């Protein structure tokens, strides 16, 4: 079964979307990640919790890609379906080992907590933004996660989910 990997460039304030981002590994050139993993690792270990959410995620992604590369799996630059064929089970084992080794990706949960009312208001604003761009999106019910259509362009996500 192919794994779907996405690299969302925006971090959202609600846990459901952040969990989705955390469950789906990022995609960028593995060679670039290998080259930059040393500097990224050094900067994050020196700074601890300093840095923006994007910087934290980029540093984590570099470590994750490096770990997978050491296990023999190079991830493509572009987001999408990845099928390692008969190596899919081995990939899953390597992915789980890397997540155990370096930890899960940083998420929006690492930031300030929003009240349920603030989350609902934010979800409704983002829903309206997506509708204004032509997507069919239902209003999320209070206390539930917003469902983002699969066909949303990254540029629209970036615009509608600005921090």
N, C-alpha and C. Protein backbone atom coordinates (compact mmCIF):
# COMPACT_ATOMS: atom_id res chain seq x y z
N UNK A 1 0.85 -1.17 0.00
CA UNK A 1 0.00 0.00 0.00
C UNK A 1 0.90 1.23 0.00
N UNK A 2 0.68 2.19 -0.90
CA UNK A 2 1.51 3.38 -0.96
C UNK A 2 1.27 4.29 0.24
N UNK A 3 2.32 5.00 0.63
CA UNK A 3 2.21 6.00 1.69
C UNK A 3 1.99 7.35 1.06
N UNK A 4 1.15 8.17 1.63
CA UNK A 4 0.95 9.52 1.14
C UNK A 4 1.76 10.45 2.02
N UNK A 5 2.62 11.23 1.39
CA UNK A 5 3.46 12.16 2.13
C UNK A 5 3.19 13.57 1.64
N UNK A 6 3.00 14.49 2.53
CA UNK A 6 2.75 15.89 2.19
C UNK A 6 3.63 16.77 3.06
N UNK A 7 4.03 17.90 2.52
CA UNK A 7 4.76 18.87 3.31
C UNK A 7 3.96 20.15 3.37
N UNK A 8 3.07 20.27 4.35
CA UNK A 8 2.32 21.51 4.46
C UNK A 8 3.24 22.63 4.93
N UNK A 9 3.19 23.77 4.28
CA UNK A 9 4.06 24.88 4.63
C UNK A 9 3.42 25.79 5.66
N UNK A 10 2.21 25.55 5.97
CA UNK A 10 1.57 26.37 7.00
C UNK A 10 1.31 25.50 8.21
N UNK A 11 1.37 26.10 9.34
CA UNK A 11 1.04 25.38 10.57
C UNK A 11 -0.28 25.94 11.05
N UNK A 12 -1.16 25.11 11.42
CA UNK A 12 -2.48 25.54 11.83
C UNK A 12 -2.62 25.45 13.33
N UNK A 13 -3.59 26.18 13.83
CA UNK A 13 -3.76 26.30 15.28
C UNK A 13 -4.64 25.22 15.87
N UNK A 14 -5.15 24.36 15.07
CA UNK A 14 -5.99 23.32 15.66
C UNK A 14 -5.34 21.96 15.50
N UNK A 15 -5.54 21.11 16.47
CA UNK A 15 -4.82 19.86 16.61
C UNK A 15 -5.07 18.87 15.48
N UNK A 16 -6.27 18.81 14.95
CA UNK A 16 -6.56 17.82 13.92
C UNK A 16 -5.69 18.01 12.69
N UNK A 17 -5.60 19.22 12.21
CA UNK A 17 -4.78 19.49 11.03
C UNK A 17 -3.31 19.29 11.37
N UNK A 18 -2.90 19.66 12.58
CA UNK A 18 -1.52 19.47 12.99
C UNK A 18 -1.18 17.99 13.07
N UNK A 19 -2.12 17.20 13.56
CA UNK A 19 -1.89 15.76 13.61
C UNK A 19 -1.74 15.18 12.21
N UNK A 20 -2.55 15.67 11.28
CA UNK A 20 -2.44 15.21 9.91
C UNK A 20 -1.05 15.51 9.38
N UNK A 21 -0.58 16.70 9.63
CA UNK A 21 0.77 17.08 9.19
C UNK A 21 1.82 16.20 9.86
N UNK A 22 1.59 15.88 11.12
CA UNK A 22 2.54 15.04 11.82
C UNK A 22 2.55 13.61 11.33
N UNK A 23 1.39 13.12 10.92
CA UNK A 23 1.31 11.75 10.45
C UNK A 23 1.86 11.58 9.05
N UNK A 24 1.81 12.64 8.29
CA UNK A 24 2.29 12.57 6.92
C UNK A 24 3.67 13.20 6.85
N UNK A 25 4.65 12.41 6.51
CA UNK A 25 6.02 12.91 6.47
C UNK A 25 6.18 13.92 5.34
N UNK A 26 7.09 14.84 5.51
CA UNK A 26 7.34 15.88 4.52
C UNK A 26 8.09 15.36 3.31
N UNK A 27 8.05 16.13 2.27
CA UNK A 27 8.73 15.75 1.04
C UNK A 27 9.61 16.89 0.55
N UNK A 28 10.88 16.63 0.41
CA UNK A 28 11.82 17.53 -0.26
C UNK A 28 12.98 16.69 -0.71
N UNK A 29 13.92 17.27 -1.42
CA UNK A 29 15.03 16.53 -2.00
C UNK A 29 15.87 15.91 -0.89
N UNK A 30 16.04 14.60 -0.91
CA UNK A 30 16.79 13.91 0.12
C UNK A 30 18.25 14.33 0.14
N UNK A 31 18.83 14.63 -1.03
CA UNK A 31 20.21 15.07 -1.07
C UNK A 31 20.37 16.42 -0.37
N UNK A 32 19.43 17.33 -0.60
CA UNK A 32 19.47 18.62 0.08
C UNK A 32 19.34 18.40 1.59
N UNK A 33 18.46 17.50 1.98
CA UNK A 33 18.27 17.24 3.40
C UNK A 33 19.53 16.66 4.02
N UNK A 34 20.21 15.75 3.29
CA UNK A 34 21.43 15.17 3.80
C UNK A 34 22.50 16.23 3.96
N UNK A 35 22.60 17.13 2.96
CA UNK A 35 23.59 18.19 3.02
C UNK A 35 23.31 19.17 4.13
N UNK A 36 22.04 19.46 4.37
CA UNK A 36 21.69 20.48 5.35
C UNK A 36 21.39 19.90 6.73
N UNK A 37 21.33 18.58 6.85
CA UNK A 37 20.93 18.00 8.13
C UNK A 37 21.92 18.31 9.23
N UNK A 38 23.21 18.38 8.91
CA UNK A 38 24.20 18.68 9.92
C UNK A 38 24.00 20.07 10.47
N UNK A 39 23.86 21.06 9.58
CA UNK A 39 23.68 22.43 10.06
C UNK A 39 22.34 22.60 10.75
N UNK A 40 21.29 21.96 10.24
CA UNK A 40 19.98 22.07 10.88
C UNK A 40 20.01 21.44 12.26
N UNK A 41 20.66 20.28 12.38
CA UNK A 41 20.73 19.60 13.66
C UNK A 41 21.48 20.44 14.67
N UNK A 42 22.57 21.04 14.23
CA UNK A 42 23.36 21.86 15.14
C UNK A 42 22.57 23.07 15.60
N UNK A 43 21.87 23.72 14.68
CA UNK A 43 21.15 24.92 15.07
C UNK A 43 20.00 24.61 16.01
N UNK A 44 19.32 23.49 15.82
CA UNK A 44 18.20 23.18 16.71
C UNK A 44 18.70 22.70 18.06
N UNK A 45 19.81 21.98 18.10
CA UNK A 45 20.28 21.52 19.39
C UNK A 45 20.82 22.68 20.21
N UNK A 46 21.39 23.69 19.55
CA UNK A 46 21.89 24.86 20.26
C UNK A 46 20.76 25.75 20.74
N UNK A 47 19.69 25.84 19.93
CA UNK A 47 18.64 26.79 20.25
C UNK A 47 17.54 26.20 21.12
N UNK A 48 17.49 24.90 21.27
CA UNK A 48 16.45 24.29 22.08
C UNK A 48 15.09 24.52 21.47
N UNK A 49 14.25 25.30 22.15
CA UNK A 49 12.90 25.52 21.66
C UNK A 49 12.78 26.81 20.86
N UNK A 50 13.90 27.49 20.59
CA UNK A 50 13.85 28.73 19.83
C UNK A 50 13.54 28.45 18.37
N UNK A 51 13.02 29.47 17.68
CA UNK A 51 12.74 29.33 16.26
C UNK A 51 11.26 29.28 15.98
N UNK A 52 10.93 29.56 14.72
CA UNK A 52 9.53 29.52 14.31
C UNK A 52 9.08 28.08 14.13
N UNK A 53 7.79 27.91 13.99
CA UNK A 53 7.24 26.57 13.76
C UNK A 53 7.82 25.98 12.48
N UNK A 54 7.96 26.81 11.43
CA UNK A 54 8.53 26.32 10.17
C UNK A 54 9.97 25.89 10.36
N UNK A 55 10.75 26.67 11.10
CA UNK A 55 12.15 26.32 11.34
C UNK A 55 12.25 25.02 12.12
N UNK A 56 11.41 24.86 13.12
CA UNK A 56 11.41 23.63 13.92
C UNK A 56 11.04 22.44 13.04
N UNK A 57 10.01 22.62 12.21
CA UNK A 57 9.58 21.52 11.35
C UNK A 57 10.66 21.19 10.33
N UNK A 58 11.27 22.21 9.72
CA UNK A 58 12.32 21.98 8.72
C UNK A 58 13.50 21.23 9.33
N UNK A 59 13.88 21.58 10.55
CA UNK A 59 14.97 20.89 11.23
C UNK A 59 14.59 19.44 11.51
N UNK A 60 13.36 19.23 11.97
CA UNK A 60 12.90 17.86 12.22
C UNK A 60 12.89 17.07 10.92
N UNK A 61 12.38 17.68 9.85
CA UNK A 61 12.29 16.98 8.57
C UNK A 61 13.67 16.57 8.07
N UNK A 62 14.66 17.44 8.22
CA UNK A 62 16.02 17.12 7.79
C UNK A 62 16.54 15.89 8.54
N UNK A 63 16.29 15.84 9.85
CA UNK A 63 16.70 14.68 10.64
C UNK A 63 15.96 13.42 10.19
N UNK A 64 14.66 13.57 9.94
CA UNK A 64 13.84 12.43 9.52
C UNK A 64 14.32 11.88 8.18
N UNK A 65 14.55 12.77 7.21
CA UNK A 65 15.03 12.36 5.90
C UNK A 65 16.39 11.67 6.00
N UNK A 66 17.26 12.23 6.83
CA UNK A 66 18.58 11.65 7.01
C UNK A 66 18.47 10.24 7.58
N UNK A 67 17.61 10.08 8.56
CA UNK A 67 17.40 8.77 9.17
C UNK A 67 16.88 7.76 8.14
N UNK A 68 15.89 8.17 7.34
CA UNK A 68 15.36 7.28 6.31
C UNK A 68 16.41 6.97 5.26
N UNK A 69 17.22 7.96 4.92
CA UNK A 69 18.28 7.76 3.93
C UNK A 69 19.28 6.72 4.42
N UNK A 70 19.63 6.80 5.71
CA UNK A 70 20.55 5.81 6.30
C UNK A 70 19.95 4.41 6.24
N UNK A 71 18.63 4.32 6.25
CA UNK A 71 17.95 3.03 6.17
C UNK A 71 17.71 2.59 4.72
N UNK A 72 18.16 3.42 3.75
CA UNK A 72 18.06 3.05 2.34
C UNK A 72 16.82 3.56 1.63
N UNK A 73 16.15 4.55 2.19
CA UNK A 73 14.95 5.09 1.57
C UNK A 73 15.12 6.58 1.31
N UNK A 74 15.12 6.95 0.03
CA UNK A 74 15.22 8.35 -0.37
C UNK A 74 13.81 8.83 -0.73
N UNK A 75 13.37 9.93 -0.12
CA UNK A 75 12.05 10.48 -0.40
C UNK A 75 12.15 11.48 -1.53
N UNK A 76 11.14 11.51 -2.43
CA UNK A 76 11.16 12.48 -3.53
C UNK A 76 10.90 13.89 -3.03
N UNK A 77 11.25 14.86 -3.86
CA UNK A 77 11.06 16.27 -3.49
C UNK A 77 9.59 16.65 -3.47
N UNK A 78 8.84 16.19 -4.45
CA UNK A 78 7.43 16.57 -4.58
C UNK A 78 6.53 15.73 -3.69
N UNK A 79 5.49 16.37 -3.16
CA UNK A 79 4.50 15.67 -2.35
C UNK A 79 3.68 14.75 -3.24
N UNK A 80 3.17 13.69 -2.66
CA UNK A 80 2.31 12.79 -3.41
C UNK A 80 2.45 11.35 -2.94
N UNK A 81 1.98 10.45 -3.77
CA UNK A 81 2.03 9.03 -3.45
C UNK A 81 3.46 8.50 -3.60
N UNK A 82 3.89 7.73 -2.63
CA UNK A 82 5.18 7.07 -2.70
C UNK A 82 4.92 5.59 -2.52
N UNK A 83 5.41 4.82 -3.46
CA UNK A 83 5.22 3.38 -3.39
C UNK A 83 6.58 2.72 -3.52
N UNK A 84 7.04 2.10 -2.44
CA UNK A 84 8.31 1.40 -2.46
C UNK A 84 8.13 -0.05 -2.89
N UNK A 85 6.98 -0.36 -3.47
CA UNK A 85 6.72 -1.70 -4.00
C UNK A 85 6.83 -2.75 -2.92
N UNK A 86 7.64 -3.79 -3.20
CA UNK A 86 7.78 -4.88 -2.24
C UNK A 86 8.58 -4.47 -1.01
N UNK A 87 9.10 -3.25 -1.00
CA UNK A 87 9.84 -2.73 0.16
C UNK A 87 8.95 -1.88 1.07
N UNK A 88 7.65 -1.82 0.78
CA UNK A 88 6.74 -0.98 1.56
C UNK A 88 6.74 -1.35 3.04
N UNK A 89 6.72 -2.64 3.35
CA UNK A 89 6.74 -3.07 4.75
C UNK A 89 8.05 -2.66 5.41
N UNK A 90 9.16 -2.79 4.69
CA UNK A 90 10.46 -2.38 5.22
C UNK A 90 10.49 -0.87 5.44
N UNK A 91 9.86 -0.11 4.53
CA UNK A 91 9.79 1.34 4.70
C UNK A 91 9.04 1.69 5.98
N UNK A 92 7.92 1.02 6.22
CA UNK A 92 7.12 1.30 7.41
C UNK A 92 7.93 1.02 8.68
N UNK A 93 8.70 -0.06 8.68
CA UNK A 93 9.56 -0.38 9.82
C UNK A 93 10.61 0.72 10.01
N UNK A 94 11.23 1.15 8.90
CA UNK A 94 12.24 2.22 8.97
C UNK A 94 11.62 3.52 9.45
N UNK A 95 10.43 3.84 8.93
CA UNK A 95 9.74 5.07 9.34
C UNK A 95 9.45 5.05 10.84
N UNK A 96 8.92 3.93 11.33
CA UNK A 96 8.61 3.81 12.75
C UNK A 96 9.88 3.93 13.60
N UNK A 97 10.97 3.31 13.14
CA UNK A 97 12.24 3.39 13.88
C UNK A 97 12.76 4.83 13.91
N UNK A 98 12.64 5.53 12.79
CA UNK A 98 13.10 6.93 12.74
C UNK A 98 12.25 7.82 13.64
N UNK A 99 10.94 7.60 13.64
CA UNK A 99 10.07 8.39 14.52
C UNK A 99 10.40 8.12 15.99
N UNK A 100 10.72 6.87 16.30
CA UNK A 100 11.09 6.53 17.67
C UNK A 100 12.43 7.18 18.03
N UNK A 101 13.35 7.21 17.07
CA UNK A 101 14.69 7.76 17.30
C UNK A 101 14.67 9.28 17.46
N UNK A 102 14.00 9.99 16.54
CA UNK A 102 14.06 11.46 16.56
C UNK A 102 12.80 12.11 17.12
N UNK A 103 11.76 11.33 17.31
CA UNK A 103 10.52 11.87 17.85
C UNK A 103 9.56 12.31 16.75
N UNK A 104 8.35 12.58 17.15
CA UNK A 104 7.33 13.04 16.21
C UNK A 104 7.62 14.47 15.81
N UNK A 105 7.08 14.91 14.67
CA UNK A 105 7.34 16.28 14.23
C UNK A 105 6.68 17.30 15.16
N UNK A 106 7.29 18.48 15.24
CA UNK A 106 6.67 19.53 16.05
C UNK A 106 5.34 19.92 15.43
N UNK A 107 4.38 20.27 16.26
CA UNK A 107 3.04 20.61 15.77
C UNK A 107 2.59 21.93 16.36
N UNK A 108 1.44 22.36 15.92
CA UNK A 108 0.85 23.59 16.44
C UNK A 108 0.53 23.44 17.93
N UNK A 109 0.42 22.20 18.41
CA UNK A 109 0.16 21.98 19.83
C UNK A 109 1.30 22.48 20.70
N UNK A 110 2.48 22.69 20.08
CA UNK A 110 3.62 23.19 20.83
C UNK A 110 3.45 24.67 21.18
N UNK A 111 2.50 25.33 20.56
CA UNK A 111 2.30 26.77 20.76
C UNK A 111 1.22 27.05 21.78
N UNK A 112 0.74 28.30 21.78
CA UNK A 112 -0.30 28.68 22.75
C UNK A 112 -1.60 27.93 22.49
N UNK A 113 -2.30 27.63 23.56
CA UNK A 113 -3.57 26.90 23.45
C UNK A 113 -4.71 27.88 23.17
N UNK A 114 -5.61 27.46 22.31
CA UNK A 114 -6.79 28.26 21.98
C UNK A 114 -8.00 27.66 22.68
N UNK A 115 -8.96 28.50 23.01
CA UNK A 115 -10.21 28.01 23.58
C UNK A 115 -11.02 27.37 22.46
N UNK A 116 -12.02 26.58 22.84
CA UNK A 116 -12.89 25.95 21.84
C UNK A 116 -13.55 27.00 20.96
N UNK A 117 -13.96 28.11 21.57
CA UNK A 117 -14.62 29.18 20.82
C UNK A 117 -13.64 29.82 19.82
N UNK A 118 -12.38 30.02 20.23
CA UNK A 118 -11.36 30.59 19.34
C UNK A 118 -11.07 29.65 18.17
N UNK A 119 -11.00 28.36 18.45
CA UNK A 119 -10.76 27.37 17.40
C UNK A 119 -11.92 27.38 16.41
N UNK A 120 -13.15 27.40 16.91
CA UNK A 120 -14.33 27.41 16.04
C UNK A 120 -14.33 28.66 15.16
N UNK A 121 -14.04 29.80 15.75
CA UNK A 121 -13.99 31.05 14.99
C UNK A 121 -12.92 30.99 13.90
N UNK A 122 -11.76 30.48 14.24
CA UNK A 122 -10.67 30.33 13.28
C UNK A 122 -11.05 29.36 12.16
N UNK A 123 -11.68 28.25 12.52
CA UNK A 123 -12.13 27.28 11.52
C UNK A 123 -13.14 27.89 10.56
N UNK A 124 -14.06 28.69 11.08
CA UNK A 124 -15.06 29.33 10.22
C UNK A 124 -14.42 30.35 9.28
N UNK A 125 -13.43 31.10 9.77
CA UNK A 125 -12.71 32.04 8.91
C UNK A 125 -12.00 31.30 7.78
N UNK A 126 -11.36 30.20 8.12
CA UNK A 126 -10.62 29.42 7.12
C UNK A 126 -11.57 28.75 6.13
N UNK A 127 -12.72 28.31 6.62
CA UNK A 127 -13.73 27.73 5.74
C UNK A 127 -14.20 28.76 4.72
N UNK A 128 -14.48 29.97 5.19
CA UNK A 128 -14.91 31.05 4.29
C UNK A 128 -13.82 31.35 3.26
N UNK A 129 -12.58 31.40 3.69
CA UNK A 129 -11.46 31.67 2.79
C UNK A 129 -11.39 30.61 1.68
N UNK A 130 -11.54 29.35 2.06
CA UNK A 130 -11.51 28.27 1.05
C UNK A 130 -12.70 28.38 0.11
N UNK A 131 -13.87 28.71 0.65
CA UNK A 131 -15.06 28.88 -0.21
C UNK A 131 -14.85 30.02 -1.19
N UNK A 132 -14.26 31.12 -0.71
CA UNK A 132 -13.99 32.27 -1.58
C UNK A 132 -13.05 31.90 -2.73
N UNK A 133 -12.29 30.83 -2.56
CA UNK A 133 -11.38 30.36 -3.60
C UNK A 133 -11.99 29.24 -4.44
N UNK A 134 -13.28 28.98 -4.23
CA UNK A 134 -13.99 28.04 -5.07
C UNK A 134 -14.11 26.61 -4.57
N UNK A 135 -13.68 26.35 -3.34
CA UNK A 135 -13.76 24.98 -2.82
C UNK A 135 -15.08 24.78 -2.07
N UNK A 136 -15.60 23.55 -2.15
CA UNK A 136 -16.82 23.20 -1.42
C UNK A 136 -16.39 22.67 -0.05
N UNK A 137 -16.69 23.46 0.97
CA UNK A 137 -16.29 23.11 2.33
C UNK A 137 -17.48 23.32 3.26
N UNK A 138 -17.80 22.30 4.05
CA UNK A 138 -18.89 22.41 5.03
C UNK A 138 -18.38 23.13 6.27
N UNK A 139 -19.29 23.87 6.92
CA UNK A 139 -18.93 24.49 8.20
C UNK A 139 -18.63 23.39 9.20
N UNK A 140 -17.51 23.51 9.91
CA UNK A 140 -17.22 22.51 10.94
C UNK A 140 -18.15 22.71 12.14
N UNK A 141 -18.58 21.62 12.71
CA UNK A 141 -19.40 21.70 13.92
C UNK A 141 -18.49 22.03 15.10
N UNK A 142 -19.01 22.77 16.08
CA UNK A 142 -18.19 23.08 17.25
C UNK A 142 -17.64 21.81 17.89
N UNK A 143 -16.36 21.86 18.25
CA UNK A 143 -15.72 20.71 18.89
C UNK A 143 -15.23 19.64 17.94
N UNK A 144 -15.39 19.87 16.63
CA UNK A 144 -14.90 18.90 15.65
C UNK A 144 -13.84 19.56 14.77
N UNK A 145 -13.06 18.73 14.14
CA UNK A 145 -12.00 19.23 13.27
C UNK A 145 -12.58 19.69 11.93
N UNK A 146 -11.93 20.66 11.35
CA UNK A 146 -12.30 21.13 10.02
C UNK A 146 -11.82 20.11 9.00
N UNK A 147 -12.65 19.80 8.02
CA UNK A 147 -12.27 18.87 6.96
C UNK A 147 -11.86 19.68 5.73
N UNK A 148 -10.60 19.53 5.33
CA UNK A 148 -10.07 20.26 4.18
C UNK A 148 -10.14 19.33 2.97
N UNK A 149 -10.74 19.79 1.87
CA UNK A 149 -10.82 18.95 0.67
C UNK A 149 -9.42 18.54 0.18
N UNK A 150 -9.33 17.36 -0.41
CA UNK A 150 -8.05 16.84 -0.88
C UNK A 150 -7.48 17.63 -2.04
N UNK A 151 -8.34 18.28 -2.83
CA UNK A 151 -7.88 18.95 -4.04
C UNK A 151 -7.43 20.39 -3.81
N UNK A 152 -7.31 20.82 -2.57
CA UNK A 152 -6.91 22.20 -2.28
C UNK A 152 -5.44 22.40 -2.69
N UNK A 153 -5.20 23.48 -3.43
CA UNK A 153 -3.84 23.81 -3.84
C UNK A 153 -3.05 24.30 -2.63
N UNK A 154 -1.74 24.04 -2.66
CA UNK A 154 -0.88 24.47 -1.56
C UNK A 154 -0.92 25.98 -1.39
N UNK A 155 -0.96 26.72 -2.49
CA UNK A 155 -0.99 28.18 -2.40
C UNK A 155 -2.26 28.66 -1.68
N UNK A 156 -3.37 27.97 -1.90
CA UNK A 156 -4.61 28.33 -1.20
C UNK A 156 -4.53 27.98 0.29
N UNK A 157 -3.91 26.84 0.60
CA UNK A 157 -3.70 26.50 2.01
C UNK A 157 -2.84 27.55 2.69
N UNK A 158 -1.76 27.94 2.00
CA UNK A 158 -0.86 28.95 2.57
C UNK A 158 -1.62 30.24 2.88
N UNK A 159 -2.49 30.63 1.96
CA UNK A 159 -3.23 31.89 2.14
C UNK A 159 -4.30 31.77 3.23
N UNK A 160 -5.04 30.68 3.23
CA UNK A 160 -6.16 30.54 4.17
C UNK A 160 -5.73 30.12 5.57
N UNK A 161 -4.56 29.52 5.70
CA UNK A 161 -4.12 29.02 7.00
C UNK A 161 -2.90 29.77 7.51
N UNK A 162 -2.83 31.07 7.19
CA UNK A 162 -1.72 31.89 7.70
C UNK A 162 -1.77 31.88 9.22
N UNK A 163 -0.60 31.79 9.85
CA UNK A 163 -0.58 31.81 11.33
C UNK A 163 -1.01 33.15 11.88
